[in-house]
Amino acid sequence: MIYEIKDRNLKKVGKKRIEWAALRMPVLEHIRKRFKKEKPLKKINISACLHVTTETAVLVVTLKSAGARIRLCASNPLSTQDDVASSLVFDYGIEVFAIKGENKNTYYRHIHKVLEINPHITLDDGADLVSTIHRNSSSYQLPWGGTEETTTGVIRLKALEKEKKLLYPIIAVNNAYTKYLFDNRYGTGQSTLDGIVRVTNKLIAGTNFVVCGYGWCGKGIAMRAKGLG
């Protein structure tokens, strides 16, 4: 097993946080227990470029329980939780290539590392993983299919499709009802306001908010801002 993380000594804290997240993700935990017995992904290689957080950790642990070999790198170096990355490697046996604050060269080197296993399936957030495959298509076996998490990534992939250059099918997760009706509206709405409060230490009540863009994320942010006064 190979990996590249910040500090193996962070694993204890990371494991506790992953276990805490799993308790609050009951549907995925139910699936994990079922897949652990059935092994529907046995001998399947999965390359994932996602935010390395506790929530992602529960997902990749589920995939490994299903029999998959999975490698994970960060889709955004600034969101990487180093303790989670450490625990995934040393407690769950998952090959992780992610360090918070990694530079651009390291970021793309990590993407290439997760692609070395010639994935059957890709999980992407922003389409950098898929774009790397397309730029280096002669170096990799084409995956059977993949998923893309974000609107930004979907726009990039639709541009490839329009030019008839998309080399394999991608499911746009962002178009799923559960994604935009729940995650975008409520998850992004709450987390954005939480981030603003943490950074500014400002009382939201009485503040004038301007939301630029009014998709499901914008609606969620507006709802939460109004709710806070």
C-alpha atoms as a PDB file:
ATOM      1  CA  MET A   1       0.000   0.000   0.000  1.00  0.00           C
ATOM      2  CA  ILE A   2       1.280   3.443  -0.914  1.00  0.00           C
ATOM      3  CA  TYR A   3       0.069   6.837   0.264  1.00  0.00           C
ATOM      4  CA  GLU A   4       1.081  10.454   0.791  1.00  0.00           C
ATOM      5  CA  ILE A   5      -0.358  12.256   3.785  1.00  0.00           C
ATOM      6  CA  LYS A   6       0.822  14.835   6.301  1.00  0.00           C
ATOM      7  CA  ASP A   7       1.201  12.921   9.582  1.00  0.00           C
ATOM      8  CA  ARG A   8       0.398   9.344  10.598  1.00  0.00           C
ATOM      9  CA  ASN A   9       0.154  10.446  14.241  1.00  0.00           C
ATOM     10  CA  LEU A  10      -3.152  12.190  13.478  1.00  0.00           C
ATOM     11  CA  LYS A  11      -4.949   8.892  12.866  1.00  0.00           C
ATOM     12  CA  LYS A  12      -6.442   8.524  16.356  1.00  0.00           C
ATOM     13  CA  VAL A  13      -8.321  11.812  16.155  1.00  0.00           C
ATOM     14  CA  GLY A  14      -9.316  11.107  12.566  1.00  0.00           C
ATOM     15  CA  LYS A  15     -10.774   7.700  13.398  1.00  0.00           C
ATOM     16  CA  LYS A  16     -12.968   9.150  16.139  1.00  0.00           C
ATOM     17  CA  ARG A  17     -14.277  11.801  13.768  1.00  0.00           C
ATOM     18  CA  ILE A  18     -14.978   9.273  10.996  1.00  0.00           C
ATOM     19  CA  GLU A  19     -16.867   7.033  13.433  1.00  0.00           C
ATOM     20  CA  TRP A  20     -18.861  10.040  14.671  1.00  0.00           C
ATOM     21  CA  ALA A  21     -19.793  10.946  11.076  1.00  0.00           C
ATOM     22  CA  ALA A  22     -20.812   7.344  10.313  1.00  0.00           C
ATOM     23  CA  LEU A  23     -23.284   7.384  13.195  1.00  0.00           C
ATOM     24  CA  ARG A  24     -24.987  10.359  11.552  1.00  0.00           C
ATOM     25  CA  MET A  25     -25.088   8.797   8.077  1.00  0.00           C
ATOM     26  CA  PRO A  26     -27.437   5.859   8.794  1.00  0.00           C
ATOM     27  CA  VAL A  27     -28.425   5.090   5.194  1.00  0.00           C
ATOM     28  CA  LEU A  28     -24.826   4.737   4.053  1.00  0.00           C
ATOM     29  CA  GLU A  29     -24.003   2.715   7.154  1.00  0.00           C
ATOM     30  CA  HIS A  30     -26.870   0.335   6.337  1.00  0.00           C
ATOM     31  CA  ILE A  31     -25.526  -0.029   2.800  1.00  0.00           C
ATOM     32  CA  ARG A  32     -22.010  -0.654   4.125  1.00  0.00           C
ATOM     33  CA  LYS A  33     -23.171  -3.529   6.322  1.00  0.00           C
ATOM     34  CA  ARG A  34     -25.021  -5.102   3.403  1.00  0.00           C
ATOM     35  CA  PHE A  35     -22.158  -4.611   0.940  1.00  0.00           C
ATOM     36  CA  LYS A  36     -19.664  -6.044   3.419  1.00  0.00           C
ATOM     37  CA  LYS A  37     -21.471  -9.370   3.069  1.00  0.00           C
ATOM     38  CA  GLU A  38     -22.302  -9.249  -0.640  1.00  0.00           C
ATOM     39  CA  LYS A  39     -19.049  -7.707  -2.000  1.00  0.00           C
ATOM     40  CA  PRO A  40     -20.686  -6.300  -5.178  1.00  0.00           C
ATOM     41  CA  LEU A  41     -17.548  -4.306  -6.086  1.00  0.00           C
ATOM     42  CA  LYS A  42     -15.032  -7.135  -5.749  1.00  0.00           C
ATOM     43  CA  LYS A  43     -12.058  -6.668  -8.128  1.00  0.00           C
ATOM     44  CA  ILE A  44     -13.299  -3.196  -9.120  1.00  0.00           C
ATOM     45  CA  ASN A  45     -10.763  -0.341  -9.072  1.00  0.00           C
ATOM     46  CA  ILE A  46     -12.098   3.086  -8.114  1.00  0.00           C
ATOM     47  CA  SER A  47     -10.196   6.370  -8.362  1.00  0.00           C
ATOM     48  CA  ALA A  48     -11.726   9.235  -6.393  1.00  0.00           C
ATOM     49  CA  CYS A  49     -10.899  12.942  -6.430  1.00  0.00           C
ATOM     50  CA  LEU A  50     -13.105  14.354  -3.667  1.00  0.00           C
ATOM     51  CA  HIS A  51     -12.980  16.587  -0.619  1.00  0.00           C
ATOM     52  CA  VAL A  52     -11.062  14.563   1.963  1.00  0.00           C
ATOM     53  CA  THR A  53     -13.458  15.013   4.877  1.00  0.00           C
ATOM     54  CA  THR A  54     -15.224  12.766   7.374  1.00  0.00           C
ATOM     55  CA  GLU A  55     -18.244  12.447   5.093  1.00  0.00           C
ATOM     56  CA  THR A  56     -16.111  11.346   2.149  1.00  0.00           C
ATOM     57  CA  ALA A  57     -14.312   8.950   4.475  1.00  0.00           C
ATOM     58  CA  VAL A  58     -17.568   7.157   5.295  1.00  0.00           C
ATOM     59  CA  LEU A  59     -18.262   6.831   1.562  1.00  0.00           C
ATOM     60  CA  VAL A  60     -14.865   5.381   0.630  1.00  0.00           C
ATOM     61  CA  VAL A  61     -14.908   3.003   3.613  1.00  0.00           C
ATOM     62  CA  THR A  62     -18.274   1.757   2.319  1.00  0.00           C
ATOM     63  CA  LEU A  63     -16.810   1.205  -1.146  1.00  0.00           C
ATOM     64  CA  LYS A  64     -13.871  -0.704   0.302  1.00  0.00           C
ATOM     65  CA  SER A  65     -16.261  -2.810   2.372  1.00  0.00           C
ATOM     66  CA  ALA A  66     -17.998  -3.660  -0.909  1.00  0.00           C
ATOM     67  CA  GLY A  67     -14.758  -5.190  -2.184  1.00  0.00           C
ATOM     68  CA  ALA A  68     -13.367  -2.319  -4.256  1.00  0.00           C
ATOM     69  CA  ARG A  69      -9.779  -1.193  -4.390  1.00  0.00           C
ATOM     70  CA  ILE A  70      -9.919   2.566  -3.994  1.00  0.00           C
ATOM     71  CA  ARG A  71      -7.439   5.399  -4.182  1.00  0.00           C
ATOM     72  CA  LEU A  72      -8.401   8.871  -3.003  1.00  0.00           C
ATOM     73  CA  CYS A  73      -6.922  12.315  -3.642  1.00  0.00           C
ATOM     74  CA  ALA A  74      -8.160  15.798  -2.779  1.00  0.00           C
ATOM     75  CA  SER A  75     -10.397  17.773  -5.124  1.00  0.00           C
ATOM     76  CA  ASN A  76      -9.572  20.898  -3.109  1.00  0.00           C
ATOM     77  CA  PRO A  77      -6.333  21.014  -1.080  1.00  0.00           C
ATOM     78  CA  LEU A  78      -7.781  23.657   1.239  1.00  0.00           C
ATOM     79  CA  SER A  79     -10.588  21.385   2.438  1.00  0.00           C
ATOM     80  CA  THR A  80      -8.411  18.352   3.220  1.00  0.00           C
ATOM     81  CA  GLN A  81      -8.657  17.142   6.810  1.00  0.00           C
ATOM     82  CA  ASP A  82      -5.239  15.668   7.542  1.00  0.00           C
ATOM     83  CA  ASP A  83      -6.439  13.619  10.502  1.00  0.00           C
ATOM     84  CA  VAL A  84      -9.073  11.955   8.325  1.00  0.00           C
ATOM     85  CA  ALA A  85      -6.516  11.185   5.614  1.00  0.00           C
ATOM     86  CA  SER A  86      -4.245   9.592   8.224  1.00  0.00           C
ATOM     87  CA  SER A  87      -7.002   7.409   9.657  1.00  0.00           C
ATOM     88  CA  LEU A  88      -8.138   6.241   6.225  1.00  0.00           C
ATOM     89  CA  VAL A  89      -4.629   4.982   5.523  1.00  0.00           C
ATOM     90  CA  PHE A  90      -3.725   3.380   8.837  1.00  0.00           C
ATOM     91  CA  ASP A  91      -7.112   2.330  10.230  1.00  0.00           C
ATOM     92  CA  TYR A  92      -8.981   1.416   7.049  1.00  0.00           C
ATOM     93  CA  GLY A  93      -6.231   0.473   4.592  1.00  0.00           C
ATOM     94  CA  ILE A  94      -7.213   3.007   1.933  1.00  0.00           C
ATOM     95  CA  GLU A  95      -4.543   4.577  -0.283  1.00  0.00           C
ATOM     96  CA  VAL A  96      -4.830   8.343   0.168  1.00  0.00           C
ATOM     97  CA  PHE A  97      -2.841  11.103  -1.523  1.00  0.00           C
ATOM     98  CA  ALA A  98      -3.864  14.364   0.123  1.00  0.00           C
ATOM     99  CA  ILE A  99      -2.176  17.042   2.223  1.00  0.00           C
ATOM    100  CA  LYS A 100      -3.929  20.209   3.316  1.00  0.00           C
ATOM    101  CA  GLY A 101      -2.499  23.210   1.483  1.00  0.00           C
ATOM    102  CA  GLU A 102      -0.571  21.159  -1.089  1.00  0.00           C
ATOM    103  CA  ASN A 103       0.714  23.154  -4.059  1.00  0.00           C
ATOM    104  CA  LYS A 104      -0.466  22.857  -7.650  1.00  0.00           C
ATOM    105  CA  ASN A 105       2.279  20.463  -8.735  1.00  0.00           C
ATOM    106  CA  THR A 106       1.599  18.144  -5.796  1.00  0.00           C
ATOM    107  CA  TYR A 107      -2.128  18.340  -6.457  1.00  0.00           C
ATOM    108  CA  TYR A 108      -1.779  17.068 -10.022  1.00  0.00           C
ATOM    109  CA  ARG A 109       0.862  14.519  -9.055  1.00  0.00           C
ATOM    110  CA  HIS A 110      -1.635  13.088  -6.587  1.00  0.00           C
ATOM    111  CA  ILE A 111      -4.269  12.879  -9.312  1.00  0.00           C
ATOM    112  CA  HIS A 112      -1.866  10.868 -11.449  1.00  0.00           C
ATOM    113  CA  LYS A 113      -1.119   8.602  -8.465  1.00  0.00           C
ATOM    114  CA  VAL A 114      -4.771   7.678  -7.997  1.00  0.00           C
ATOM    115  CA  LEU A 115      -5.055   6.937 -11.719  1.00  0.00           C
ATOM    116  CA  GLU A 116      -2.152   4.479 -11.664  1.00  0.00           C
ATOM    117  CA  ILE A 117      -4.564   1.678 -10.727  1.00  0.00           C
ATOM    118  CA  ASN A 118      -6.399   2.089 -14.086  1.00  0.00           C
ATOM    119  CA  PRO A 119      -9.827   2.637 -12.525  1.00  0.00           C
ATOM    120  CA  HIS A 120     -12.976   0.960 -13.724  1.00  0.00           C
ATOM    121  CA  ILE A 121     -14.959   3.786 -12.070  1.00  0.00           C
ATOM    122  CA  THR A 122     -14.062   7.415 -11.290  1.00  0.00           C
ATOM    123  CA  LEU A 123     -15.580   9.660  -8.631  1.00  0.00           C
ATOM    124  CA  ASP A 124     -14.868  13.320  -9.329  1.00  0.00           C
ATOM    125  CA  ASP A 125     -15.615  16.736  -7.870  1.00  0.00           C
ATOM    126  CA  GLY A 126     -14.749  19.503 -10.302  1.00  0.00           C
ATOM    127  CA  ALA A 127     -13.733  17.243 -13.238  1.00  0.00           C
ATOM    128  CA  ASP A 128      -9.954  17.550 -12.754  1.00  0.00           C
ATOM    129  CA  LEU A 129      -9.622  13.764 -12.503  1.00  0.00           C
ATOM    130  CA  VAL A 130     -11.646  13.122 -15.654  1.00  0.00           C
ATOM    131  CA  SER A 131      -9.882  15.934 -17.510  1.00  0.00           C
ATOM    132  CA  THR A 132      -6.522  14.385 -16.630  1.00  0.00           C
ATOM    133  CA  ILE A 133      -7.665  11.075 -18.126  1.00  0.00           C
ATOM    134  CA  HIS A 134      -8.752  12.850 -21.302  1.00  0.00           C
ATOM    135  CA  ARG A 135      -5.450  14.713 -21.625  1.00  0.00           C
ATOM    136  CA  ASN A 136      -3.516  11.480 -21.166  1.00  0.00           C
ATOM    137  CA  SER A 137      -5.922   8.952 -22.669  1.00  0.00           C
ATOM    138  CA  SER A 138      -3.123   6.894 -24.213  1.00  0.00           C
ATOM    139  CA  SER A 139      -1.629   6.309 -20.752  1.00  0.00           C
ATOM    140  CA  TYR A 140      -4.729   4.840 -19.098  1.00  0.00           C
ATOM    141  CA  GLN A 141      -7.365   2.243 -19.798  1.00  0.00           C
ATOM    142  CA  LEU A 142     -10.670   4.045 -20.207  1.00  0.00           C
ATOM    143  CA  PRO A 143     -12.995   3.610 -17.203  1.00  0.00           C
ATOM    144  CA  TRP A 144     -16.410   2.022 -17.607  1.00  0.00           C
ATOM    145  CA  GLY A 145     -18.073   5.085 -16.115  1.00  0.00           C
ATOM    146  CA  GLY A 146     -17.918   7.715 -13.416  1.00  0.00           C
ATOM    147  CA  THR A 147     -19.696  10.341 -11.379  1.00  0.00           C
ATOM    148  CA  GLU A 148     -19.287  14.112 -11.147  1.00  0.00           C
ATOM    149  CA  GLU A 149     -20.385  15.943  -8.036  1.00  0.00           C
ATOM    150  CA  THR A 150     -20.526  19.634  -8.916  1.00  0.00           C
ATOM    151  CA  THR A 151     -22.155  22.002 -11.374  1.00  0.00           C
ATOM    152  CA  THR A 152     -18.700  23.316 -12.318  1.00  0.00           C
ATOM    153  CA  GLY A 153     -17.546  19.830 -13.226  1.00  0.00           C
ATOM    154  CA  VAL A 154     -20.729  19.028 -15.129  1.00  0.00           C
ATOM    155  CA  ILE A 155     -20.304  22.181 -17.235  1.00  0.00           C
ATOM    156  CA  ARG A 156     -16.772  21.103 -18.173  1.00  0.00           C
ATOM    157  CA  LEU A 157     -17.933  17.607 -19.065  1.00  0.00           C
ATOM    158  CA  LYS A 158     -20.906  18.838 -21.099  1.00  0.00           C
ATOM    159  CA  ALA A 159     -18.485  20.966 -23.115  1.00  0.00           C
ATOM    160  CA  LEU A 160     -16.483  17.815 -23.884  1.00  0.00           C
ATOM    161  CA  GLU A 161     -19.669  15.969 -24.790  1.00  0.00           C
ATOM    162  CA  LYS A 162     -20.798  18.767 -27.099  1.00  0.00           C
ATOM    163  CA  GLU A 163     -17.484  18.511 -28.945  1.00  0.00           C
ATOM    164  CA  LYS A 164     -17.909  14.702 -29.033  1.00  0.00           C
ATOM    165  CA  LYS A 165     -14.724  14.320 -26.999  1.00  0.00           C
ATOM    166  CA  LEU A 166     -16.158  12.752 -23.851  1.00  0.00           C
ATOM    167  CA  LEU A 167     -14.548   9.313 -23.765  1.00  0.00           C
ATOM    168  CA  TYR A 168     -16.761   7.515 -21.255  1.00  0.00           C
ATOM    169  CA  PRO A 169     -20.163   8.023 -19.558  1.00  0.00           C
ATOM    170  CA  ILE A 170     -20.410  10.227 -16.474  1.00  0.00           C
ATOM    171  CA  ILE A 171     -23.387  10.483 -14.112  1.00  0.00           C
ATOM    172  CA  ALA A 172     -24.071  14.061 -12.994  1.00  0.00           C
ATOM    173  CA  VAL A 173     -24.681  13.591  -9.275  1.00  0.00           C
ATOM    174  CA  ASN A 174     -25.586  17.257  -8.978  1.00  0.00           C
ATOM    175  CA  ASN A 175     -28.713  16.625 -11.079  1.00  0.00           C
ATOM    176  CA  ALA A 176     -30.120  14.103  -8.606  1.00  0.00           C
ATOM    177  CA  TYR A 177     -33.097  15.268  -6.540  1.00  0.00           C
ATOM    178  CA  THR A 178     -31.364  14.268  -3.309  1.00  0.00           C
ATOM    179  CA  LYS A 179     -28.367  16.411  -4.267  1.00  0.00           C
ATOM    180  CA  TYR A 180     -29.965  19.721  -5.084  1.00  0.00           C
ATOM    181  CA  LEU A 181     -33.102  19.519  -2.944  1.00  0.00           C
ATOM    182  CA  PHE A 182     -31.213  18.522   0.210  1.00  0.00           C
ATOM    183  CA  ASP A 183     -27.449  18.912  -0.094  1.00  0.00           C
ATOM    184  CA  ASN A 184     -27.382  22.130  -2.131  1.00  0.00           C
ATOM    185  CA  ARG A 185     -30.284  23.835  -0.433  1.00  0.00           C
ATOM    186  CA  TYR A 186     -29.779  22.785   3.175  1.00  0.00           C
ATOM    187  CA  GLY A 187     -26.178  21.578   3.354  1.00  0.00           C
ATOM    188  CA  THR A 188     -24.593  24.408   1.380  1.00  0.00           C
ATOM    189  CA  GLY A 189     -26.977  26.927   2.896  1.00  0.00           C
ATOM    190  CA  GLN A 190     -25.980  26.048   6.447  1.00  0.00           C
ATOM    191  CA  SER A 191     -22.262  25.471   5.826  1.00  0.00           C
ATOM    192  CA  THR A 192     -21.854  28.771   3.954  1.00  0.00           C
ATOM    193  CA  LEU A 193     -23.392  30.770   6.785  1.00  0.00           C
ATOM    194  CA  ASP A 194     -21.338  28.785   9.289  1.00  0.00           C
ATOM    195  CA  GLY A 195     -18.172  29.665   7.361  1.00  0.00           C
ATOM    196  CA  ILE A 196     -19.067  33.360   7.250  1.00  0.00           C
ATOM    197  CA  VAL A 197     -19.709  33.454  11.001  1.00  0.00           C
ATOM    198  CA  ARG A 198     -16.455  31.637  11.782  1.00  0.00           C
ATOM    199  CA  VAL A 199     -14.362  33.933   9.579  1.00  0.00           C
ATOM    200  CA  THR A 200     -15.965  37.273  10.464  1.00  0.00           C
ATOM    201  CA  ASN A 201     -17.229  36.617  14.018  1.00  0.00           C
ATOM    202  CA  LYS A 202     -20.155  38.802  12.967  1.00  0.00           C
ATOM    203  CA  LEU A 203     -23.729  38.822  14.242  1.00  0.00           C
ATOM    204  CA  ILE A 204     -25.930  37.905  11.279  1.00  0.00           C
ATOM    205  CA  ALA A 205     -29.150  39.486  12.612  1.00  0.00           C
ATOM    206  CA  GLY A 206     -29.639  42.922  11.059  1.00  0.00           C
ATOM    207  CA  THR A 207     -27.085  42.314   8.308  1.00  0.00           C
ATOM    208  CA  ASN A 208     -27.989  42.997   4.675  1.00  0.00           C
ATOM    209  CA  PHE A 209     -27.231  39.983   2.457  1.00  0.00           C
ATOM    210  CA  VAL A 210     -26.784  40.046  -1.320  1.00  0.00           C
ATOM    211  CA  VAL A 211     -26.856  36.602  -2.954  1.00  0.00           C
ATOM    212  CA  CYS A 212     -25.351  36.574  -6.448  1.00  0.00           C
ATOM    213  CA  GLY A 213     -26.998  33.712  -8.281  1.00  0.00           C
ATOM    214  CA  TYR A 214     -30.206  32.025  -7.229  1.00  0.00           C
ATOM    215  CA  GLY A 215     -29.913  28.337  -7.973  1.00  0.00           C
ATOM    216  CA  TRP A 216     -30.502  25.788  -5.238  1.00  0.00           C
ATOM    217  CA  CYS A 217     -27.328  26.801  -3.401  1.00  0.00           C
ATOM    218  CA  GLY A 218     -28.278  30.465  -3.571  1.00  0.00           C
ATOM    219  CA  LYS A 219     -31.798  29.685  -2.368  1.00  0.00           C
ATOM    220  CA  GLY A 220     -30.391  27.765   0.571  1.00  0.00           C
ATOM    221  CA  ILE A 221     -28.015  30.553   1.543  1.00  0.00           C
ATOM    222  CA  ALA A 222     -30.820  33.117   1.324  1.00  0.00           C
ATOM    223  CA  MET A 223     -33.090  30.918   3.455  1.00  0.00           C
ATOM    224  CA  ARG A 224     -30.463  30.455   6.167  1.00  0.00           C
ATOM    225  CA  ALA A 225     -29.512  34.146   6.169  1.00  0.00           C
ATOM    226  CA  LYS A 226     -33.160  35.138   6.560  1.00  0.00           C
ATOM    227  CA  GLY A 227     -33.598  32.563   9.312  1.00  0.00           C
ATOM    228  CA  LEU A 228     -30.700  34.093  11.243  1.00  0.00           C
ATOM    229  CA  GLY A 229     -32.316  37.504  11.059  1.00  0.00           C
END
